[in-house]
């Protein structure tokens, strides 16, 4: 498995990972081992970031498209994300509301 694929599946930002991880492919067994017993660097990256776009969007409760529309299409740390959530700019409140409404509408349509 290529490092980029492994990073995506692990939910980490590849450029923030150790050089050794970035330079070497992983076997399926090695990948499973990383998931089951993450080394300290992996745990730390997951805890503090920087996080890739999908993780940032999920933690903020918005879509990746909303990140891009508002020039926030970049890796953010956990501290950056917490700061945004504590003092939400207008674009973030709007994006969170829109996604919540969209999910509610999808749930209604699914039940119908």
PDB file of N, CA and C in Angstrom:
ATOM      1  N   UNK A   1       0.859  -1.165   0.000  1.00  0.00           N
ATOM      2  CA  UNK A   1       0.000   0.000   0.000  1.00  0.00           C
ATOM      3  C   UNK A   1       0.909   1.234   0.000  1.00  0.00           C
ATOM      4  N   UNK A   2       0.572   2.174  -0.858  1.00  0.00           N
ATOM      5  CA  UNK A   2       1.365   3.398  -0.943  1.00  0.00           C
ATOM      6  C   UNK A   2       1.165   4.235   0.322  1.00  0.00           C
ATOM      7  N   UNK A   3       2.176   5.013   0.688  1.00  0.00           N
ATOM      8  CA  UNK A   3       2.056   5.851   1.888  1.00  0.00           C
ATOM      9  C   UNK A   3       0.850   6.790   1.840  1.00  0.00           C
ATOM     10  N   UNK A   4       0.560   7.359   0.681  1.00  0.00           N
ATOM     11  CA  UNK A   4      -0.580   8.282   0.563  1.00  0.00           C
ATOM     12  C   UNK A   4      -1.893   7.559   0.882  1.00  0.00           C
ATOM     13  N   UNK A   5      -2.036   6.339   0.361  1.00  0.00           N
ATOM     14  CA  UNK A   5      -3.245   5.551   0.616  1.00  0.00           C
ATOM     15  C   UNK A   5      -3.351   5.200   2.097  1.00  0.00           C
ATOM     16  N   UNK A   6      -2.234   4.770   2.675  1.00  0.00           N
ATOM     17  CA  UNK A   6      -2.231   4.409   4.098  1.00  0.00           C
ATOM     18  C   UNK A   6      -2.595   5.622   4.961  1.00  0.00           C
ATOM     19  N   UNK A   7      -2.027   6.783   4.642  1.00  0.00           N
ATOM     20  CA  UNK A   7      -2.325   7.995   5.412  1.00  0.00           C
ATOM     21  C   UNK A   7      -3.803   8.339   5.316  1.00  0.00           C
ATOM     22  N   UNK A   8      -4.347   8.224   4.123  1.00  0.00           N
ATOM     23  CA  UNK A   8      -5.771   8.527   3.934  1.00  0.00           C
ATOM     24  C   UNK A   8      -6.636   7.584   4.767  1.00  0.00           C
ATOM     25  N   UNK A   9      -6.303   6.299   4.738  1.00  0.00           N
ATOM     26  CA  UNK A   9      -7.089   5.321   5.494  1.00  0.00           C
ATOM     27  C   UNK A   9      -6.913   5.481   7.005  1.00  0.00           C
ATOM     28  N   UNK A  10      -5.755   5.978   7.417  1.00  0.00           N
ATOM     29  CA  UNK A  10      -5.501   6.195   8.843  1.00  0.00           C
ATOM     30  C   UNK A  10      -6.033   7.545   9.317  1.00  0.00           C
ATOM     31  N   UNK A  11      -6.432   8.407   8.380  1.00  0.00           N
ATOM     32  CA  UNK A  11      -6.971   9.718   8.741  1.00  0.00           C
ATOM     33  C   UNK A  11      -5.914  10.694   9.217  1.00  0.00           C
ATOM     34  N   UNK A  12      -4.706  10.594   8.625  1.00  0.00           N
ATOM     35  CA  UNK A  12      -3.628  11.503   9.018  1.00  0.00           C
ATOM     36  C   UNK A  12      -3.146  12.305   7.815  1.00  0.00           C
ATOM     37  N   UNK A  13      -2.499  13.418   8.082  1.00  0.00           N
ATOM     38  CA  UNK A  13      -1.930  14.291   7.061  1.00  0.00           C
ATOM     39  C   UNK A  13      -0.525  13.776   6.749  1.00  0.00           C
ATOM     40  N   UNK A  14      -0.336  13.239   5.543  1.00  0.00           N
ATOM     41  CA  UNK A  14       0.917  12.574   5.177  1.00  0.00           C
ATOM     42  C   UNK A  14       2.167  13.428   5.402  1.00  0.00           C
ATOM     43  N   UNK A  15       2.207  14.705   4.977  1.00  0.00           N
ATOM     44  CA  UNK A  15       3.435  15.477   5.192  1.00  0.00           C
ATOM     45  C   UNK A  15       3.832  15.645   6.664  1.00  0.00           C
ATOM     46  N   UNK A  16       2.917  15.432   7.581  1.00  0.00           N
ATOM     47  CA  UNK A  16       3.238  15.555   9.008  1.00  0.00           C
ATOM     48  C   UNK A  16       3.736  14.236   9.601  1.00  0.00           C
ATOM     49  N   UNK A  17       3.667  13.166   8.828  1.00  0.00           N
ATOM     50  CA  UNK A  17       4.107  11.859   9.324  1.00  0.00           C
ATOM     51  C   UNK A  17       5.625  11.739   9.218  1.00  0.00           C
ATOM     52  N   UNK A  18       6.220  10.776   9.925  1.00  0.00           N
ATOM     53  CA  UNK A  18       7.676  10.599   9.868  1.00  0.00           C
ATOM     54  C   UNK A  18       8.147  10.294   8.441  1.00  0.00           C
ATOM     55  N   UNK A  19       9.357  10.711   8.137  1.00  0.00           N
ATOM     56  CA  UNK A  19       9.957  10.513   6.815  1.00  0.00           C
ATOM     57  C   UNK A  19       9.926   9.035   6.413  1.00  0.00           C
ATOM     58  N   UNK A  20      10.211   8.159   7.359  1.00  0.00           N
ATOM     59  CA  UNK A  20      10.226   6.719   7.078  1.00  0.00           C
ATOM     60  C   UNK A  20       8.855   6.241   6.588  1.00  0.00           C
ATOM     61  N   UNK A  21       7.789   6.726   7.201  1.00  0.00           N
ATOM     62  CA  UNK A  21       6.431   6.353   6.790  1.00  0.00           C
ATOM     63  C   UNK A  21       6.141   6.884   5.392  1.00  0.00           C
ATOM     64  N   UNK A  22       6.576   8.117   5.103  1.00  0.00           N
ATOM     65  CA  UNK A  22       6.317   8.740   3.809  1.00  0.00           C
ATOM     66  C   UNK A  22       7.076   8.058   2.677  1.00  0.00           C
ATOM     67  N   UNK A  23       8.223   7.472   2.986  1.00  0.00           N
ATOM     68  CA  UNK A  23       9.100   6.922   1.955  1.00  0.00           C
ATOM     69  C   UNK A  23       8.866   5.444   1.659  1.00  0.00           C
ATOM     70  N   UNK A  24       8.159   4.745   2.522  1.00  0.00           N
ATOM     71  CA  UNK A  24       8.024   3.302   2.354  1.00  0.00           C
ATOM     72  C   UNK A  24       6.582   2.859   2.242  1.00  0.00           C
ATOM     73  N   UNK A  25       6.364   1.898   1.366  1.00  0.00           N
ATOM     74  CA  UNK A  25       5.041   1.304   1.254  1.00  0.00           C
ATOM     75  C   UNK A  25       4.786   0.362   2.421  1.00  0.00           C
ATOM     76  N   UNK A  26       3.524   0.019   2.614  1.00  0.00           N
ATOM     77  CA  UNK A  26       3.148  -0.889   3.701  1.00  0.00           C
ATOM     78  C   UNK A  26       2.485  -2.127   3.132  1.00  0.00           C
ATOM     79  N   UNK A  27       2.750  -3.260   3.752  1.00  0.00           N
ATOM     80  CA  UNK A  27       1.994  -4.459   3.407  1.00  0.00           C
ATOM     81  C   UNK A  27       0.654  -4.378   4.137  1.00  0.00           C
ATOM     82  N   UNK A  28      -0.268  -5.222   3.747  1.00  0.00           N
ATOM     83  CA  UNK A  28      -1.573  -5.236   4.409  1.00  0.00           C
ATOM     84  C   UNK A  28      -1.400  -5.557   5.899  1.00  0.00           C
ATOM     85  N   UNK A  29      -0.500  -6.487   6.202  1.00  0.00           N
ATOM     86  CA  UNK A  29      -0.261  -6.877   7.589  1.00  0.00           C
ATOM     87  C   UNK A  29       0.292  -5.706   8.402  1.00  0.00           C
ATOM     88  N   UNK A  30       1.219  -4.945   7.807  1.00  0.00           N
ATOM     89  CA  UNK A  30       1.777  -3.786   8.502  1.00  0.00           C
ATOM     90  C   UNK A  30       0.698  -2.729   8.759  1.00  0.00           C
ATOM     91  N   UNK A  31      -0.175  -2.542   7.775  1.00  0.00           N
ATOM     92  CA  UNK A  31      -1.254  -1.571   7.930  1.00  0.00           C
ATOM     93  C   UNK A  31      -2.194  -1.989   9.063  1.00  0.00           C
ATOM     94  N   UNK A  32      -2.580  -3.253   9.082  1.00  0.00           N
ATOM     95  CA  UNK A  32      -3.454  -3.780  10.147  1.00  0.00           C
ATOM     96  C   UNK A  32      -2.782  -3.597  11.510  1.00  0.00           C
ATOM     97  N   UNK A  33      -1.477  -3.840  11.568  1.00  0.00           N
ATOM     98  CA  UNK A  33      -0.735  -3.671  12.821  1.00  0.00           C
ATOM     99  C   UNK A  33      -0.742  -2.208  13.271  1.00  0.00           C
ATOM    100  N   UNK A  34      -0.583  -1.273  12.326  1.00  0.00           N
ATOM    101  CA  UNK A  34      -0.642   0.155  12.669  1.00  0.00           C
ATOM    102  C   UNK A  34      -2.008   0.531  13.232  1.00  0.00           C
ATOM    103  N   UNK A  35      -3.056  -0.041  12.660  1.00  0.00           N
ATOM    104  CA  UNK A  35      -4.406   0.243  13.156  1.00  0.00           C
ATOM    105  C   UNK A  35      -4.617  -0.339  14.548  1.00  0.00           C
ATOM    106  N   UNK A  36      -4.154  -1.567  14.747  1.00  0.00           N
ATOM    107  CA  UNK A  36      -4.380  -2.254  16.018  1.00  0.00           C
ATOM    108  C   UNK A  36      -3.501  -1.699  17.140  1.00  0.00           C
ATOM    109  N   UNK A  37      -2.251  -1.406  16.825  1.00  0.00           N
ATOM    110  CA  UNK A  37      -1.295  -0.924  17.821  1.00  0.00           C
ATOM    111  C   UNK A  37      -0.572   0.309  17.282  1.00  0.00           C
ATOM    112  N   UNK A  38      -1.239   1.452  17.285  1.00  0.00           N
ATOM    113  CA  UNK A  38      -0.607   2.641  16.705  1.00  0.00           C
ATOM    114  C   UNK A  38       0.614   3.090  17.509  1.00  0.00           C
ATOM    115  N   UNK A  39       1.715   3.397  16.799  1.00  0.00           N
ATOM    116  CA  UNK A  39       2.883   3.938  17.502  1.00  0.00           C
ATOM    117  C   UNK A  39       2.569   5.334  18.039  1.00  0.00           C
ATOM    118  N   UNK A  40       3.427   5.842  18.884  1.00  0.00           N
ATOM    119  CA  UNK A  40       3.182   7.140  19.523  1.00  0.00           C
ATOM    120  C   UNK A  40       3.016   8.261  18.504  1.00  0.00           C
ATOM    121  N   UNK A  41       3.820   8.262  17.434  1.00  0.00           N
ATOM    122  CA  UNK A  41       3.716   9.342  16.440  1.00  0.00           C
ATOM    123  C   UNK A  41       2.338   9.360  15.791  1.00  0.00           C
ATOM    124  N   UNK A  42       1.759   8.179  15.553  1.00  0.00           N
ATOM    125  CA  UNK A  42       0.438   8.097  14.936  1.00  0.00           C
ATOM    126  C   UNK A  42      -0.639   8.567  15.917  1.00  0.00           C
ATOM    127  N   UNK A  43      -0.538   8.135  17.148  1.00  0.00           N
ATOM    128  CA  UNK A  43      -1.498   8.579  18.169  1.00  0.00           C
ATOM    129  C   UNK A  43      -1.437  10.091  18.347  1.00  0.00           C
ATOM    130  N   UNK A  44      -0.223  10.634  18.367  1.00  0.00           N
ATOM    131  CA  UNK A  44      -0.041  12.082  18.537  1.00  0.00           C
ATOM    132  C   UNK A  44      -0.619  12.851  17.350  1.00  0.00           C
ATOM    133  N   UNK A  45      -0.380  12.370  16.134  1.00  0.00           N
ATOM    134  CA  UNK A  45      -0.939  13.024  14.944  1.00  0.00           C
ATOM    135  C   UNK A  45      -2.461  13.009  14.973  1.00  0.00           C
ATOM    136  N   UNK A  46      -3.029  11.890  15.369  1.00  0.00           N
ATOM    137  CA  UNK A  46      -4.494  11.798  15.441  1.00  0.00           C
ATOM    138  C   UNK A  46      -5.054  12.721  16.521  1.00  0.00           C
ATOM    139  N   UNK A  47      -4.303  12.880  17.598  1.00  0.00           N
ATOM    140  CA  UNK A  47      -4.761  13.685  18.726  1.00  0.00           C
ATOM    141  C   UNK A  47      -4.625  15.186  18.449  1.00  0.00           C
ATOM    142  N   UNK A  48      -3.472  15.606  17.924  1.00  0.00           N
ATOM    143  CA  UNK A  48      -3.191  17.035  17.821  1.00  0.00           C
ATOM    144  C   UNK A  48      -3.118  17.583  16.404  1.00  0.00           C
ATOM    145  N   UNK A  49      -2.984  16.703  15.407  1.00  0.00           N
ATOM    146  CA  UNK A  49      -2.890  17.157  14.024  1.00  0.00           C
ATOM    147  C   UNK A  49      -1.474  17.555  13.668  1.00  0.00           C
ATOM    148  N   UNK A  50      -1.312  18.166  12.526  1.00  0.00           N
ATOM    149  CA  UNK A  50      -2.337  18.717  11.639  1.00  0.00           C
ATOM    150  C   UNK A  50      -3.177  17.607  11.007  1.00  0.00           C
ATOM    151  N   UNK A  51      -4.435  17.925  10.782  1.00  0.00           N
ATOM    152  CA  UNK A  51      -5.391  16.971  10.245  1.00  0.00           C
ATOM    153  C   UNK A  51      -5.652  17.254   8.769  1.00  0.00           C
ATOM    154  N   UNK A  52      -5.922  16.195   7.972  1.00  0.00           N
ATOM    155  CA  UNK A  52      -6.270  16.399   6.564  1.00  0.00           C
ATOM    156  C   UNK A  52      -7.687  16.956   6.428  1.00  0.00           C
ATOM    157  N   UNK A  53      -7.999  17.463   5.245  1.00  0.00           N
ATOM    158  CA  UNK A  53      -9.305  18.095   4.993  1.00  0.00           C
ATOM    159  C   UNK A  53     -10.502  17.277   5.460  1.00  0.00           C
ATOM    160  N   UNK A  54     -10.591  15.977   5.119  1.00  0.00           N
ATOM    161  CA  UNK A  54     -11.790  15.239   5.552  1.00  0.00           C
ATOM    162  C   UNK A  54     -11.970  15.229   7.070  1.00  0.00           C
ATOM    163  N   UNK A  55     -10.875  15.126   7.795  1.00  0.00           N
ATOM    164  CA  UNK A  55     -10.948  15.110   9.260  1.00  0.00           C
ATOM    165  C   UNK A  55     -11.316  16.498   9.780  1.00  0.00           C
ATOM    166  N   UNK A  56     -10.732  17.541   9.192  1.00  0.00           N
ATOM    167  CA  UNK A  56     -11.062  18.916   9.590  1.00  0.00           C
ATOM    168  C   UNK A  56     -12.553  19.169   9.382  1.00  0.00           C
ATOM    169  N   UNK A  57     -13.053  18.798   8.199  1.00  0.00           N
ATOM    170  CA  UNK A  57     -14.472  19.010   7.891  1.00  0.00           C
ATOM    171  C   UNK A  57     -15.360  18.259   8.881  1.00  0.00           C
ATOM    172  N   UNK A  58     -15.013  17.013   9.162  1.00  0.00           N
ATOM    173  CA  UNK A  58     -15.814  16.202  10.084  1.00  0.00           C
ATOM    174  C   UNK A  58     -15.811  16.804  11.485  1.00  0.00           C
ATOM    175  N   UNK A  59     -14.646  17.240  11.960  1.00  0.00           N
ATOM    176  CA  UNK A  59     -14.557  17.819  13.307  1.00  0.00           C
ATOM    177  C   UNK A  59     -15.308  19.149  13.409  1.00  0.00           C
ATOM    178  N   UNK A  60     -15.346  19.899  12.298  1.00  0.00           N
ATOM    179  CA  UNK A  60     -16.072  21.172  12.292  1.00  0.00           C
ATOM    180  C   UNK A  60     -17.561  20.985  12.015  1.00  0.00           C
ATOM    181  N   UNK A  61     -17.952  19.795  11.562  1.00  0.00           N
ATOM    182  CA  UNK A  61     -19.364  19.544  11.263  1.00  0.00           C
ATOM    183  C   UNK A  61     -19.817  20.199   9.974  1.00  0.00           C
ATOM    184  N   UNK A  62     -18.904  20.262   8.988  1.00  0.00           N
ATOM    185  CA  UNK A  62     -19.222  20.869   7.695  1.00  0.00           C
ATOM    186  C   UNK A  62     -18.696  19.981   6.571  1.00  0.00           C
ATOM    187  N   UNK A  63     -18.946  20.384   5.336  1.00  0.00           N
ATOM    188  CA  UNK A  63     -18.455  19.630   4.186  1.00  0.00           C
ATOM    189  C   UNK A  63     -17.076  20.142   3.763  1.00  0.00           C
ATOM    190  N   UNK A  64     -16.372  19.317   3.001  1.00  0.00           N
ATOM    191  CA  UNK A  64     -15.090  19.738   2.436  1.00  0.00           C
ATOM    192  C   UNK A  64     -15.317  20.906   1.483  1.00  0.00           C
ATOM    193  N   UNK A  65     -16.421  20.880   0.749  1.00  0.00           N
ATOM    194  CA  UNK A  65     -16.747  21.977  -0.173  1.00  0.00           C
ATOM    195  C   UNK A  65     -16.874  23.300   0.585  1.00  0.00           C
ATOM    196  N   UNK A  66     -17.456  23.261   1.779  1.00  0.00           N
ATOM    197  CA  UNK A  66     -17.582  24.486   2.583  1.00  0.00           C
ATOM    198  C   UNK A  66     -16.205  24.993   3.011  1.00  0.00           C
ATOM    199  N   UNK A  67     -15.292  24.080   3.307  1.00  0.00           N
ATOM    200  CA  UNK A  67     -13.923  24.488   3.630  1.00  0.00           C
ATOM    201  C   UNK A  67     -13.302  25.219   2.443  1.00  0.00           C
ATOM    202  N   UNK A  68     -13.454  24.632   1.262  1.00  0.00           N
ATOM    203  CA  UNK A  68     -12.871  25.226   0.052  1.00  0.00           C
ATOM    204  C   UNK A  68     -13.484  26.587  -0.251  1.00  0.00           C
ATOM    205  N   UNK A  69     -14.800  26.692  -0.146  1.00  0.00           N
ATOM    206  CA  UNK A  69     -15.485  27.960  -0.447  1.00  0.00           C
ATOM    207  C   UNK A  69     -15.007  29.100   0.446  1.00  0.00           C
ATOM    208  N   UNK A  70     -14.551  28.754   1.624  1.00  0.00           N
ATOM    209  CA  UNK A  70     -14.171  29.778   2.598  1.00  0.00           C
ATOM    210  C   UNK A  70     -12.661  29.853   2.827  1.00  0.00           C
ATOM    211  N   UNK A  71     -11.903  29.384   1.837  1.00  0.00           N
ATOM    212  CA  UNK A  71     -10.436  29.439   1.878  1.00  0.00           C
ATOM    213  C   UNK A  71      -9.847  28.797   3.133  1.00  0.00           C
ATOM    214  N   UNK A  72     -10.491  27.762   3.620  1.00  0.00           N
ATOM    215  CA  UNK A  72      -9.983  27.031   4.781  1.00  0.00           C
ATOM    216  C   UNK A  72      -9.543  25.628   4.368  1.00  0.00           C
ATOM    217  N   UNK A  73      -9.231  25.483   3.090  1.00  0.00           N
ATOM    218  CA  UNK A  73      -8.857  24.205   2.503  1.00  0.00           C
ATOM    219  C   UNK A  73      -7.382  23.915   2.799  1.00  0.00           C
ATOM    220  N   UNK A  74      -7.087  23.736   4.080  1.00  0.00           N
ATOM    221  CA  UNK A  74      -5.712  23.497   4.502  1.00  0.00           C
ATOM    222  C   UNK A  74      -5.733  22.654   5.766  1.00  0.00           C
ATOM    223  N   UNK A  75      -4.626  21.997   6.067  1.00  0.00           N
ATOM    224  CA  UNK A  75      -4.574  21.209   7.298  1.00  0.00           C
ATOM    225  C   UNK A  75      -4.660  22.126   8.514  1.00  0.00           C
ATOM    226  N   UNK A  76      -5.426  21.701   9.490  1.00  0.00           N
ATOM    227  CA  UNK A  76      -5.547  22.458  10.738  1.00  0.00           C
ATOM    228  C   UNK A  76      -5.213  21.541  11.910  1.00  0.00           C
ATOM    229  N   UNK A  77      -4.685  22.126  12.963  1.00  0.00           N
ATOM    230  CA  UNK A  77      -4.413  21.354  14.174  1.00  0.00           C
ATOM    231  C   UNK A  77      -5.691  21.262  15.003  1.00  0.00           C
ATOM    232  N   UNK A  78      -5.667  20.411  15.987  1.00  0.00           N
ATOM    233  CA  UNK A  78      -6.806  20.286  16.889  1.00  0.00           C
ATOM    234  C   UNK A  78      -7.063  21.614  17.598  1.00  0.00           C
ATOM    235  N   UNK A  79      -6.001  22.321  17.972  1.00  0.00           N
ATOM    236  CA  UNK A  79      -6.156  23.628  18.635  1.00  0.00           C
ATOM    237  C   UNK A  79      -6.824  24.633  17.700  1.00  0.00           C
ATOM    238  N   UNK A  80      -6.441  24.624  16.413  1.00  0.00           N
ATOM    239  CA  UNK A  80      -7.067  25.519  15.429  1.00  0.00           C
ATOM    240  C   UNK A  80      -8.561  25.230  15.313  1.00  0.00           C
ATOM    241  N   UNK A  81      -8.890  23.953  15.269  1.00  0.00           N
ATOM    242  CA  UNK A  81     -10.288  23.534  15.123  1.00  0.00           C
ATOM    243  C   UNK A  81     -11.090  23.953  16.353  1.00  0.00           C
ATOM    244  N   UNK A  82     -10.531  23.718  17.541  1.00  0.00           N
ATOM    245  CA  UNK A  82     -11.224  24.111  18.778  1.00  0.00           C
ATOM    246  C   UNK A  82     -11.450  25.615  18.818  1.00  0.00           C
ATOM    247  N   UNK A  83     -10.449  26.384  18.391  1.00  0.00           N
ATOM    248  CA  UNK A  83     -10.581  27.845  18.384  1.00  0.00           C
ATOM    249  C   UNK A  83     -11.697  28.277  17.438  1.00  0.00           C
ATOM    250  N   UNK A  84     -11.790  27.651  16.275  1.00  0.00           N
ATOM    251  CA  UNK A  84     -12.866  27.978  15.329  1.00  0.00           C
ATOM    252  C   UNK A  84     -14.234  27.634  15.907  1.00  0.00           C
ATOM    253  N   UNK A  85     -14.317  26.489  16.587  1.00  0.00           N
ATOM    254  CA  UNK A  85     -15.599  26.070  17.161  1.00  0.00           C
ATOM    255  C   UNK A  85     -16.015  26.961  18.335  1.00  0.00           C
ATOM    256  N   UNK A  86     -15.044  27.434  19.111  1.00  0.00           N
ATOM    257  CA  UNK A  86     -15.364  28.284  20.258  1.00  0.00           C
ATOM    258  C   UNK A  86     -15.816  29.678  19.835  1.00  0.00           C
ATOM    259  N   UNK A  87     -15.213  30.200  18.787  1.00  0.00           N
ATOM    260  CA  UNK A  87     -15.558  31.540  18.303  1.00  0.00           C
ATOM    261  C   UNK A  87     -15.881  31.419  16.811  1.00  0.00           C
ATOM    262  N   UNK A  88     -17.065  30.877  16.525  1.00  0.00           N
ATOM    263  CA  UNK A  88     -17.428  30.533  15.154  1.00  0.00           C
ATOM    264  C   UNK A  88     -17.648  31.762  14.278  1.00  0.00           C
ATOM    265  N   UNK A  89     -16.889  31.831  13.161  1.00  0.00           N
ATOM    266  CA  UNK A  89     -17.170  32.893  12.198  1.00  0.00           C
ATOM    267  C   UNK A  89     -18.516  32.627  11.518  1.00  0.00           C
ATOM    268  N   UNK A  90     -19.063  33.635  10.895  1.00  0.00           N
ATOM    269  CA  UNK A  90     -20.375  33.515  10.245  1.00  0.00           C
ATOM    270  C   UNK A  90     -20.405  32.386   9.222  1.00  0.00           C
ATOM    271  N   UNK A  91     -19.342  32.250   8.410  1.00  0.00           N
ATOM    272  CA  UNK A  91     -19.334  31.213   7.377  1.00  0.00           C
ATOM    273  C   UNK A  91     -19.436  29.824   7.996  1.00  0.00           C
ATOM    274  N   UNK A  92     -18.809  29.615   9.160  1.00  0.00           N
ATOM    275  CA  UNK A  92     -18.842  28.309   9.815  1.00  0.00           C
ATOM    276  C   UNK A  92     -20.236  28.024  10.369  1.00  0.00           C
ATOM    277  N   UNK A  93     -20.856  29.006  11.007  1.00  0.00           N
ATOM    278  CA  UNK A  93     -22.229  28.814  11.509  1.00  0.00           C
ATOM    279  C   UNK A  93     -23.172  28.475  10.361  1.00  0.00           C
ATOM    280  N   UNK A  94     -23.032  29.195   9.244  1.00  0.00           N
ATOM    281  CA  UNK A  94     -23.890  28.958   8.077  1.00  0.00           C
ATOM    282  C   UNK A  94     -23.670  27.559   7.518  1.00  0.00           C
ATOM    283  N   UNK A  95     -22.409  27.165   7.364  1.00  0.00           N
ATOM    284  CA  UNK A  95     -22.095  25.844   6.803  1.00  0.00           C
ATOM    285  C   UNK A  95     -22.600  24.724   7.708  1.00  0.00           C
ATOM    286  N   UNK A  96     -22.455  24.886   9.027  1.00  0.00           N
ATOM    287  CA  UNK A  96     -22.935  23.865   9.966  1.00  0.00           C
ATOM    288  C   UNK A  96     -24.458  23.746   9.899  1.00  0.00           C
ATOM    289  N   UNK A  97     -25.137  24.884   9.820  1.00  0.00           N
ATOM    290  CA  UNK A  97     -26.602  24.890   9.721  1.00  0.00           C
ATOM    291  C   UNK A  97     -27.057  24.228   8.432  1.00  0.00           C
ATOM    292  N   UNK A  98     -26.408  24.578   7.328  1.00  0.00           N
ATOM    293  CA  UNK A  98     -26.784  24.002   6.032  1.00  0.00           C
ATOM    294  C   UNK A  98     -26.603  22.489   6.023  1.00  0.00           C
ATOM    295  N   UNK A  99     -25.490  22.001   6.567  1.00  0.00           N
ATOM    296  CA  UNK A  99     -25.254  20.562   6.590  1.00  0.00           C
ATOM    297  C   UNK A  99     -26.273  19.864   7.490  1.00  0.00           C
ATOM    298  N   UNK A 100     -26.590  20.456   8.628  1.00  0.00           N
ATOM    299  CA  UNK A 100     -27.590  19.866   9.526  1.00  0.00           C
ATOM    300  C   UNK A 100     -28.953  19.794   8.843  1.00  0.00           C
ATOM    301  N   UNK A 101     -29.329  20.865   8.134  1.00  0.00           N
ATOM    302  CA  UNK A 101     -30.611  20.868   7.417  1.00  0.00           C
ATOM    303  C   UNK A 101     -30.620  19.834   6.303  1.00  0.00           C
ATOM    304  N   UNK A 102     -29.496  19.721   5.603  1.00  0.00           N
ATOM    305  CA  UNK A 102     -29.390  18.739   4.521  1.00  0.00           C
ATOM    306  C   UNK A 102     -29.520  17.320   5.074  1.00  0.00           C
ATOM    307  N   UNK A 103     -28.870  17.046   6.172  1.00  0.00           N
ATOM    308  CA  UNK A 103     -28.953  15.711   6.783  1.00  0.00           C
ATOM    309  C   UNK A 103     -30.370  15.422   7.271  1.00  0.00           C
ATOM    310  N   UNK A 104     -31.020  16.429   7.836  1.00  0.00           N
ATOM    311  CA  UNK A 104     -32.399  16.269   8.300  1.00  0.00           C
ATOM    312  C   UNK A 104     -33.319  15.961   7.121  1.00  0.00           C
ATOM    313  N   UNK A 105     -33.146  16.685   6.033  1.00  0.00           N
ATOM    314  CA  UNK A 105     -33.951  16.463   4.828  1.00  0.00           C
ATOM    315  C   UNK A 105     -33.709  15.068   4.259  1.00  0.00           C
ATOM    316  N   UNK A 106     -32.454  14.649   4.234  1.00  0.00           N
ATOM    317  CA  UNK A 106     -32.126  13.307   3.742  1.00  0.00           C
ATOM    318  C   UNK A 106     -32.760  12.231   4.614  1.00  0.00           C
ATOM    319  N   UNK A 107     -32.782  12.451   5.924  1.00  0.00           N
ATOM    320  CA  UNK A 107     -33.400  11.488   6.836  1.00  0.00           C
ATOM    321  C   UNK A 107     -34.904  11.408   6.599  1.00  0.00           C
ATOM    322  N   UNK A 108     -35.535  12.556   6.363  1.00  0.00           N
ATOM    323  CA  UNK A 108     -36.976  12.568   6.077  1.00  0.00           C
ATOM    324  C   UNK A 108     -37.272  11.822   4.787  1.00  0.00           C
ATOM    325  N   UNK A 109     -36.465  12.069   3.766  1.00  0.00           N
ATOM    326  CA  UNK A 109     -36.666  11.408   2.476  1.00  0.00           C
ATOM    327  C   UNK A 109     -36.422   9.911   2.567  1.00  0.00           C
ATOM    328  N   UNK A 110     -35.502   9.521   3.414  1.00  0.00           N
ATOM    329  CA  UNK A 110     -35.196   8.105   3.587  1.00  0.00           C
ATOM    330  C   UNK A 110     -36.364   7.383   4.262  1.00  0.00           C
ATOM    331  N   UNK A 111     -37.005   8.060   5.214  1.00  0.00           N
ATOM    332  CA  UNK A 111     -38.127   7.474   5.944  1.00  0.00           C
ATOM    333  C   UNK A 111     -39.397   7.419   5.102  1.00  0.00           C
ATOM    334  N   UNK A 112     -39.503   8.291   4.124  1.00  0.00           N
ATOM    335  CA  UNK A 112     -40.733   8.382   3.315  1.00  0.00           C
ATOM    336  C   UNK A 112     -40.876   7.234   2.345  1.00  0.00           C
TER     337      UNK A 112
END
